Amino acid sequence: MINLIPMTVRGAEKLRQELQQLKSIKRPRIINAIAEARQHGDLKENAEYHSAREEQSFCEGRIKEIEAKLSNSQIIDVTKLSNNGRVIFGSTVTVLNIKTNEKFTYQIVGDDESDFKQNLISINSPMSRGLIGKKNNATVVIYTPGGNVEYKILKIDYI
């Protein structure tokens, strides 16, 4: 059985754009670099050739990885779901740290999309795992490496 990889519409689009860029820009550039390096003669001691081949290997690996993720993805458009007041994949959650009285807003996204600086947290993070399924105004305890942190859910948006 294939495990589907959850991702938002935005996350899937970002991967498609990266795939397009790798296939249409980076791959042809690498092929040209290999052809040019071959013209320099002996391949055994040709650093440019070996460097280009290594770059080609990384590029092809990334292409395969993205294609596999997209083919096994479950794209979830949270804006098309009715907000039932529960935290789900793709929802944007505003929480209050009860101890420090600080507010944070996070969107729960797929692993490839997560970017803590932009408040996009992975579905597999301790914070997401603690929030998923909870309702508005619920108090949750998140188990973190630095200790347990108590949060109150202030708002759940499906945007």
N, C-alpha and C. Protein backbone atom coordinates (compact mmCIF):
# COMPACT_ATOMS: atom_id res chain seq x y z
N MET A 1 0.84 -1.18 0.00
CA MET A 1 0.00 0.00 0.00
C MET A 1 0.89 1.25 0.00
N ILE A 2 0.55 2.20 -0.82
CA ILE A 2 1.32 3.44 -0.94
C ILE A 2 0.81 4.44 0.09
N ASN A 3 1.75 5.01 0.84
CA ASN A 3 1.38 6.08 1.76
C ASN A 3 1.29 7.38 0.99
N LEU A 4 0.13 8.00 1.05
CA LEU A 4 -0.03 9.28 0.37
C LEU A 4 0.64 10.38 1.18
N ILE A 5 1.25 11.32 0.47
CA ILE A 5 1.95 12.43 1.10
C ILE A 5 1.02 13.64 1.08
N PRO A 6 0.59 14.11 2.27
CA PRO A 6 -0.32 15.26 2.26
C PRO A 6 0.44 16.54 1.91
N MET A 7 -0.18 17.37 1.08
CA MET A 7 0.40 18.68 0.79
C MET A 7 -0.71 19.64 0.41
N THR A 8 -0.44 20.91 0.64
CA THR A 8 -1.41 21.93 0.28
C THR A 8 -1.30 22.20 -1.22
N VAL A 9 -2.27 22.92 -1.74
CA VAL A 9 -2.26 23.30 -3.15
C VAL A 9 -1.00 24.12 -3.45
N ARG A 10 -0.67 25.05 -2.55
CA ARG A 10 0.52 25.90 -2.72
C ARG A 10 1.80 25.05 -2.71
N GLY A 11 1.87 24.07 -1.83
CA GLY A 11 3.05 23.20 -1.75
C GLY A 11 3.24 22.37 -3.01
N ALA A 12 2.14 21.85 -3.55
CA ALA A 12 2.22 21.06 -4.78
C ALA A 12 2.67 21.94 -5.94
N GLU A 13 2.16 23.17 -5.99
CA GLU A 13 2.54 24.10 -7.06
C GLU A 13 4.03 24.45 -6.98
N LYS A 14 4.53 24.65 -5.76
CA LYS A 14 5.95 24.94 -5.58
C LYS A 14 6.83 23.79 -6.09
N LEU A 15 6.41 22.55 -5.79
CA LEU A 15 7.17 21.39 -6.28
C LEU A 15 7.11 21.29 -7.80
N ARG A 16 5.93 21.56 -8.38
CA ARG A 16 5.81 21.52 -9.85
C ARG A 16 6.71 22.57 -10.49
N GLN A 17 6.79 23.76 -9.89
CA GLN A 17 7.66 24.82 -10.43
C GLN A 17 9.12 24.42 -10.33
N GLU A 18 9.51 23.83 -9.21
CA GLU A 18 10.90 23.38 -9.06
C GLU A 18 11.23 22.30 -10.08
N LEU A 19 10.29 21.37 -10.29
CA LEU A 19 10.49 20.30 -11.27
C LEU A 19 10.65 20.87 -12.67
N GLN A 20 9.80 21.82 -13.03
CA GLN A 20 9.88 22.47 -14.33
C GLN A 20 11.23 23.16 -14.52
N GLN A 21 11.69 23.86 -13.48
CA GLN A 21 12.97 24.57 -13.53
C GLN A 21 14.13 23.58 -13.69
N LEU A 22 14.07 22.48 -12.95
CA LEU A 22 15.14 21.47 -13.04
C LEU A 22 15.20 20.86 -14.44
N LYS A 23 14.02 20.54 -14.99
CA LYS A 23 13.98 19.88 -16.30
C LYS A 23 14.29 20.82 -17.46
N SER A 24 13.80 22.05 -17.39
CA SER A 24 13.93 22.93 -18.56
C SER A 24 15.14 23.86 -18.50
N ILE A 25 15.71 24.11 -17.33
CA ILE A 25 16.83 25.04 -17.22
C ILE A 25 18.09 24.34 -16.72
N LYS A 26 17.99 23.72 -15.55
CA LYS A 26 19.20 23.16 -14.94
C LYS A 26 19.74 21.94 -15.70
N ARG A 27 18.85 21.01 -16.08
CA ARG A 27 19.30 19.80 -16.77
C ARG A 27 20.03 20.14 -18.08
N PRO A 28 19.45 20.99 -18.96
CA PRO A 28 20.16 21.34 -20.20
C PRO A 28 21.50 22.05 -19.95
N ARG A 29 21.56 22.89 -18.90
CA ARG A 29 22.80 23.58 -18.58
C ARG A 29 23.88 22.58 -18.17
N ILE A 30 23.50 21.57 -17.39
CA ILE A 30 24.46 20.54 -16.96
C ILE A 30 24.92 19.72 -18.15
N ILE A 31 24.01 19.37 -19.05
CA ILE A 31 24.37 18.59 -20.24
C ILE A 31 25.38 19.36 -21.09
N ASN A 32 25.16 20.67 -21.23
CA ASN A 32 26.11 21.50 -21.98
C ASN A 32 27.47 21.55 -21.29
N ALA A 33 27.46 21.63 -19.96
CA ALA A 33 28.72 21.67 -19.20
C ALA A 33 29.49 20.37 -19.36
N ILE A 34 28.79 19.24 -19.39
CA ILE A 34 29.45 17.93 -19.57
C ILE A 34 30.04 17.86 -20.98
N ALA A 35 29.28 18.28 -21.98
CA ALA A 35 29.77 18.25 -23.37
C ALA A 35 30.99 19.14 -23.53
N GLU A 36 30.96 20.30 -22.91
CA GLU A 36 32.09 21.23 -22.99
C GLU A 36 33.32 20.65 -22.29
N ALA A 37 33.11 20.05 -21.13
CA ALA A 37 34.23 19.46 -20.38
C ALA A 37 34.84 18.28 -21.13
N ARG A 38 34.02 17.52 -21.86
CA ARG A 38 34.53 16.38 -22.64
C ARG A 38 35.51 16.84 -23.72
N GLN A 39 35.27 18.02 -24.24
CA GLN A 39 36.12 18.53 -25.31
C GLN A 39 37.53 18.89 -24.80
N HIS A 40 37.69 18.95 -23.51
CA HIS A 40 38.98 19.31 -22.93
C HIS A 40 39.94 18.13 -22.86
N GLY A 41 39.50 16.98 -23.32
CA GLY A 41 40.41 15.83 -23.41
C GLY A 41 40.22 14.81 -22.30
N ASP A 42 41.33 14.32 -21.77
CA ASP A 42 41.39 13.22 -20.80
C ASP A 42 40.37 13.41 -19.66
N LEU A 43 39.42 12.47 -19.54
CA LEU A 43 38.35 12.59 -18.56
C LEU A 43 38.81 12.20 -17.15
N LYS A 44 39.91 11.44 -17.05
CA LYS A 44 40.37 10.98 -15.74
C LYS A 44 40.76 12.15 -14.83
N GLU A 45 41.39 13.14 -15.39
CA GLU A 45 41.88 14.27 -14.59
C GLU A 45 41.13 15.56 -14.92
N ASN A 46 39.91 15.42 -15.40
CA ASN A 46 39.12 16.58 -15.82
C ASN A 46 38.14 16.95 -14.70
N ALA A 47 38.53 17.92 -13.87
CA ALA A 47 37.71 18.32 -12.71
C ALA A 47 36.35 18.86 -13.14
N GLU A 48 36.32 19.64 -14.23
CA GLU A 48 35.05 20.21 -14.68
C GLU A 48 34.06 19.10 -15.07
N TYR A 49 34.59 18.07 -15.73
CA TYR A 49 33.75 16.95 -16.16
C TYR A 49 33.17 16.23 -14.93
N HIS A 50 34.03 15.92 -13.96
CA HIS A 50 33.57 15.18 -12.77
C HIS A 50 32.59 16.02 -11.94
N SER A 51 32.85 17.31 -11.88
CA SER A 51 31.95 18.21 -11.15
C SER A 51 30.57 18.25 -11.84
N ALA A 52 30.57 18.37 -13.15
CA ALA A 52 29.30 18.42 -13.90
C ALA A 52 28.54 17.10 -13.77
N ARG A 53 29.27 15.98 -13.80
CA ARG A 53 28.61 14.66 -13.66
C ARG A 53 27.99 14.51 -12.27
N GLU A 54 28.69 15.01 -11.26
CA GLU A 54 28.17 14.95 -9.90
C GLU A 54 26.92 15.82 -9.78
N GLU A 55 26.96 17.01 -10.36
CA GLU A 55 25.81 17.90 -10.34
C GLU A 55 24.63 17.26 -11.09
N GLN A 56 24.92 16.57 -12.17
CA GLN A 56 23.88 15.88 -12.94
C GLN A 56 23.22 14.81 -12.07
N SER A 57 24.03 14.09 -11.32
CA SER A 57 23.51 13.03 -10.46
C SER A 57 22.56 13.61 -9.40
N PHE A 58 22.95 14.72 -8.77
CA PHE A 58 22.08 15.36 -7.79
C PHE A 58 20.79 15.87 -8.43
N CYS A 59 20.91 16.47 -9.60
CA CYS A 59 19.75 17.02 -10.31
C CYS A 59 18.76 15.90 -10.67
N GLU A 60 19.26 14.81 -11.23
CA GLU A 60 18.38 13.70 -11.61
C GLU A 60 17.73 13.06 -10.39
N GLY A 61 18.49 12.99 -9.29
CA GLY A 61 17.93 12.45 -8.05
C GLY A 61 16.79 13.31 -7.53
N ARG A 62 16.97 14.62 -7.58
CA ARG A 62 15.94 15.54 -7.11
C ARG A 62 14.71 15.47 -8.02
N ILE A 63 14.91 15.35 -9.32
CA ILE A 63 13.79 15.21 -10.26
C ILE A 63 12.98 13.96 -9.91
N LYS A 64 13.66 12.84 -9.70
CA LYS A 64 12.96 11.59 -9.34
C LYS A 64 12.21 11.74 -8.02
N GLU A 65 12.85 12.40 -7.05
CA GLU A 65 12.23 12.59 -5.74
C GLU A 65 10.95 13.42 -5.86
N ILE A 66 11.01 14.52 -6.60
CA ILE A 66 9.83 15.38 -6.76
C ILE A 66 8.73 14.65 -7.51
N GLU A 67 9.09 13.94 -8.59
CA GLU A 67 8.08 13.20 -9.35
C GLU A 67 7.40 12.15 -8.48
N ALA A 68 8.17 11.47 -7.63
CA ALA A 68 7.59 10.46 -6.75
C ALA A 68 6.64 11.11 -5.73
N LYS A 69 7.07 12.23 -5.17
CA LYS A 69 6.21 12.92 -4.19
C LYS A 69 4.92 13.39 -4.83
N LEU A 70 5.02 13.98 -6.01
CA LEU A 70 3.81 14.47 -6.68
C LEU A 70 2.88 13.32 -7.07
N SER A 71 3.45 12.21 -7.51
CA SER A 71 2.59 11.09 -7.92
C SER A 71 1.95 10.40 -6.72
N ASN A 72 2.55 10.53 -5.54
CA ASN A 72 1.98 9.92 -4.33
C ASN A 72 1.37 10.96 -3.39
N SER A 73 1.07 12.14 -3.94
CA SER A 73 0.57 13.20 -3.07
C SER A 73 -0.95 13.17 -2.94
N GLN A 74 -1.38 13.65 -1.81
CA GLN A 74 -2.81 13.88 -1.58
C GLN A 74 -2.91 15.38 -1.36
N ILE A 75 -3.36 16.08 -2.40
CA ILE A 75 -3.42 17.54 -2.34
C ILE A 75 -4.72 17.94 -1.65
N ILE A 76 -4.56 18.69 -0.56
CA ILE A 76 -5.71 19.09 0.25
C ILE A 76 -5.88 20.61 0.15
N ASP A 77 -7.05 21.01 -0.35
CA ASP A 77 -7.38 22.43 -0.44
C ASP A 77 -8.32 22.74 0.72
N VAL A 78 -7.74 23.24 1.81
CA VAL A 78 -8.50 23.47 3.04
C VAL A 78 -9.60 24.52 2.84
N THR A 79 -9.44 25.40 1.85
CA THR A 79 -10.46 26.43 1.61
C THR A 79 -11.76 25.83 1.09
N LYS A 80 -11.71 24.62 0.56
CA LYS A 80 -12.92 23.97 0.03
C LYS A 80 -13.61 23.11 1.09
N LEU A 81 -13.04 23.04 2.28
CA LEU A 81 -13.64 22.25 3.35
C LEU A 81 -14.43 23.17 4.27
N SER A 82 -15.50 22.64 4.84
CA SER A 82 -16.25 23.48 5.78
C SER A 82 -15.55 23.43 7.14
N ASN A 83 -15.43 24.60 7.75
CA ASN A 83 -14.72 24.72 9.02
C ASN A 83 -15.60 24.14 10.13
N ASN A 84 -15.16 23.01 10.66
CA ASN A 84 -15.93 22.36 11.72
C ASN A 84 -15.38 22.69 13.10
N GLY A 85 -14.48 23.68 13.15
CA GLY A 85 -13.93 24.11 14.44
C GLY A 85 -12.84 23.21 14.97
N ARG A 86 -12.33 22.33 14.13
CA ARG A 86 -11.24 21.43 14.54
C ARG A 86 -9.98 21.76 13.74
N VAL A 87 -8.84 21.53 14.37
CA VAL A 87 -7.56 21.72 13.68
C VAL A 87 -7.34 20.52 12.76
N ILE A 88 -7.12 20.82 11.47
CA ILE A 88 -6.85 19.77 10.48
C ILE A 88 -5.64 20.17 9.65
N PHE A 89 -5.18 19.25 8.81
CA PHE A 89 -4.09 19.56 7.90
C PHE A 89 -4.49 20.76 7.03
N GLY A 90 -3.60 21.73 6.93
CA GLY A 90 -3.85 22.90 6.11
C GLY A 90 -4.47 24.06 6.85
N SER A 91 -5.01 23.80 8.04
CA SER A 91 -5.65 24.90 8.77
C SER A 91 -4.60 25.84 9.36
N THR A 92 -5.02 27.07 9.60
CA THR A 92 -4.19 28.08 10.22
C THR A 92 -4.69 28.26 11.64
N VAL A 93 -3.79 28.10 12.60
CA VAL A 93 -4.17 28.06 14.00
C VAL A 93 -3.46 29.17 14.77
N THR A 94 -4.22 29.94 15.54
CA THR A 94 -3.63 30.93 16.43
C THR A 94 -3.71 30.37 17.84
N VAL A 95 -2.54 30.33 18.50
CA VAL A 95 -2.46 29.77 19.84
C VAL A 95 -1.83 30.78 20.79
N LEU A 96 -2.11 30.59 22.06
CA LEU A 96 -1.55 31.44 23.11
C LEU A 96 -0.72 30.56 24.03
N ASN A 97 0.55 30.92 24.21
CA ASN A 97 1.40 30.23 25.17
C ASN A 97 0.95 30.70 26.54
N ILE A 98 0.40 29.82 27.33
CA ILE A 98 -0.22 30.18 28.60
C ILE A 98 0.83 30.73 29.58
N LYS A 99 2.03 30.19 29.55
CA LYS A 99 3.07 30.63 30.50
C LYS A 99 3.61 32.03 30.16
N THR A 100 3.89 32.26 28.86
CA THR A 100 4.52 33.53 28.46
C THR A 100 3.53 34.57 27.96
N ASN A 101 2.28 34.14 27.72
CA ASN A 101 1.22 35.01 27.20
C ASN A 101 1.52 35.50 25.77
N GLU A 102 2.35 34.75 25.04
CA GLU A 102 2.67 35.10 23.64
C GLU A 102 1.70 34.40 22.71
N LYS A 103 1.31 35.12 21.64
CA LYS A 103 0.44 34.54 20.61
C LYS A 103 1.29 34.13 19.41
N PHE A 104 0.92 33.01 18.81
CA PHE A 104 1.58 32.52 17.60
C PHE A 104 0.51 32.06 16.63
N THR A 105 0.76 32.25 15.35
CA THR A 105 -0.14 31.74 14.32
C THR A 105 0.66 30.84 13.39
N TYR A 106 0.18 29.62 13.20
CA TYR A 106 0.86 28.64 12.36
C TYR A 106 -0.12 28.04 11.36
N GLN A 107 0.42 27.68 10.18
CA GLN A 107 -0.36 26.87 9.26
C GLN A 107 0.27 25.48 9.24
N ILE A 108 -0.54 24.45 9.30
CA ILE A 108 -0.06 23.07 9.31
C ILE A 108 0.03 22.60 7.86
N VAL A 109 1.26 22.26 7.42
CA VAL A 109 1.52 21.92 6.03
C VAL A 109 2.31 20.62 5.94
N GLY A 110 2.60 20.19 4.71
CA GLY A 110 3.39 19.00 4.48
C GLY A 110 4.86 19.23 4.80
N ASP A 111 5.62 18.15 4.90
CA ASP A 111 7.04 18.23 5.25
C ASP A 111 7.83 19.13 4.31
N ASP A 112 7.57 19.03 3.00
CA ASP A 112 8.33 19.82 2.02
C ASP A 112 8.01 21.31 2.09
N GLU A 113 6.86 21.64 2.61
CA GLU A 113 6.42 23.03 2.64
C GLU A 113 6.83 23.75 3.92
N SER A 114 7.16 23.01 4.95
CA SER A 114 7.37 23.62 6.25
C SER A 114 8.52 24.63 6.22
N ASP A 115 8.29 25.74 6.87
CA ASP A 115 9.26 26.83 6.97
C ASP A 115 8.89 27.62 8.23
N PHE A 116 9.59 27.32 9.31
CA PHE A 116 9.23 27.89 10.60
C PHE A 116 9.27 29.42 10.58
N LYS A 117 10.19 29.99 9.79
CA LYS A 117 10.31 31.46 9.71
C LYS A 117 9.06 32.08 9.10
N GLN A 118 8.35 31.30 8.28
CA GLN A 118 7.10 31.80 7.68
C GLN A 118 5.87 31.23 8.39
N ASN A 119 6.08 30.67 9.56
CA ASN A 119 5.01 30.08 10.39
C ASN A 119 4.29 28.93 9.70
N LEU A 120 5.02 28.20 8.87
CA LEU A 120 4.49 26.99 8.23
C LEU A 120 5.13 25.80 8.93
N ILE A 121 4.32 25.04 9.69
CA ILE A 121 4.89 23.93 10.45
C ILE A 121 4.45 22.59 9.87
N SER A 122 5.37 21.64 9.91
CA SER A 122 5.14 20.32 9.34
C SER A 122 4.07 19.57 10.11
N ILE A 123 3.28 18.81 9.37
CA ILE A 123 2.25 17.95 9.95
C ILE A 123 2.88 16.97 10.94
N ASN A 124 4.18 16.68 10.77
CA ASN A 124 4.85 15.72 11.62
C ASN A 124 5.58 16.35 12.81
N SER A 125 5.46 17.66 12.97
CA SER A 125 6.12 18.34 14.10
C SER A 125 5.35 18.06 15.39
N PRO A 126 6.02 18.14 16.53
CA PRO A 126 5.32 17.93 17.81
C PRO A 126 4.15 18.90 17.99
N MET A 127 4.32 20.15 17.55
CA MET A 127 3.25 21.14 17.67
C MET A 127 2.02 20.71 16.88
N SER A 128 2.23 20.32 15.62
CA SER A 128 1.09 19.89 14.78
C SER A 128 0.42 18.65 15.36
N ARG A 129 1.23 17.69 15.76
CA ARG A 129 0.65 16.46 16.30
C ARG A 129 -0.19 16.75 17.54
N GLY A 130 0.24 17.73 18.33
CA GLY A 130 -0.52 18.09 19.53
C GLY A 130 -1.79 18.86 19.22
N LEU A 131 -1.80 19.57 18.09
CA LEU A 131 -2.96 20.42 17.75
C LEU A 131 -4.02 19.69 16.92
N ILE A 132 -3.60 18.76 16.06
CA ILE A 132 -4.52 18.09 15.14
C ILE A 132 -5.71 17.48 15.90
N GLY A 133 -6.90 17.78 15.41
CA GLY A 133 -8.12 17.21 15.99
C GLY A 133 -8.70 18.01 17.14
N LYS A 134 -7.93 18.97 17.66
CA LYS A 134 -8.42 19.75 18.80
C LYS A 134 -9.37 20.85 18.32
N LYS A 135 -10.21 21.31 19.25
CA LYS A 135 -11.21 22.34 18.93
C LYS A 135 -10.77 23.71 19.44
N ASN A 136 -11.48 24.72 18.95
CA ASN A 136 -11.26 26.09 19.39
C ASN A 136 -11.43 26.18 20.90
N ASN A 137 -10.61 27.00 21.55
CA ASN A 137 -10.60 27.22 23.00
C ASN A 137 -10.06 26.05 23.81
N ALA A 138 -9.62 25.00 23.15
CA ALA A 138 -9.03 23.86 23.87
C ALA A 138 -7.65 24.24 24.39
N THR A 139 -7.28 23.64 25.49
CA THR A 139 -5.93 23.79 26.02
C THR A 139 -5.18 22.51 25.71
N VAL A 140 -3.99 22.65 25.13
CA VAL A 140 -3.19 21.48 24.74
C VAL A 140 -1.80 21.59 25.35
N VAL A 141 -1.23 20.44 25.65
CA VAL A 141 0.15 20.39 26.14
C VAL A 141 0.99 19.80 25.02
N ILE A 142 1.99 20.58 24.59
CA ILE A 142 2.88 20.13 23.52
C ILE A 142 4.17 19.64 24.17
N TYR A 143 4.54 18.42 23.85
CA TYR A 143 5.76 17.83 24.39
C TYR A 143 6.91 18.21 23.48
N THR A 144 7.81 19.05 23.97
CA THR A 144 8.93 19.54 23.18
C THR A 144 10.24 19.08 23.84
N PRO A 145 11.34 19.12 23.08
CA PRO A 145 12.63 18.75 23.67
C PRO A 145 12.99 19.63 24.88
N GLY A 146 12.50 20.87 24.90
CA GLY A 146 12.79 21.78 26.00
C GLY A 146 11.83 21.65 27.18
N GLY A 147 10.91 20.71 27.09
CA GLY A 147 9.91 20.53 28.15
C GLY A 147 8.51 20.71 27.61
N ASN A 148 7.54 20.47 28.46
CA ASN A 148 6.14 20.58 28.06
C ASN A 148 5.71 22.04 28.05
N VAL A 149 4.96 22.42 26.99
CA VAL A 149 4.47 23.79 26.86
C VAL A 149 2.95 23.73 26.69
N GLU A 150 2.26 24.56 27.46
CA GLU A 150 0.80 24.57 27.42
C GLU A 150 0.32 25.73 26.55
N TYR A 151 -0.58 25.42 25.62
CA TYR A 151 -1.14 26.42 24.70
C TYR A 151 -2.66 26.38 24.77
N LYS A 152 -3.26 27.52 24.51
CA LYS A 152 -4.72 27.59 24.33
C LYS A 152 -4.97 27.95 22.87
N ILE A 153 -5.87 27.21 22.23
CA ILE A 153 -6.22 27.49 20.82
C ILE A 153 -7.21 28.65 20.82
N LEU A 154 -6.78 29.75 20.17
CA LEU A 154 -7.62 30.94 20.12
C LEU A 154 -8.48 31.01 18.87
N LYS A 155 -7.94 30.52 17.77
CA LYS A 155 -8.65 30.67 16.48
C LYS A 155 -8.19 29.60 15.51
N ILE A 156 -9.13 29.07 14.74
CA ILE A 156 -8.84 28.07 13.71
C ILE A 156 -9.45 28.57 12.41
N ASP A 157 -8.60 28.78 11.40
CA ASP A 157 -9.07 29.25 10.10
C ASP A 157 -8.76 28.22 9.03
N TYR A 158 -9.64 28.11 8.06
CA TYR A 158 -9.42 27.26 6.89
C TYR A 158 -9.21 28.21 5.70
N ILE A 159 -8.02 28.79 5.63
CA ILE A 159 -7.73 29.79 4.57
C ILE A 159 -6.59 29.35 3.68
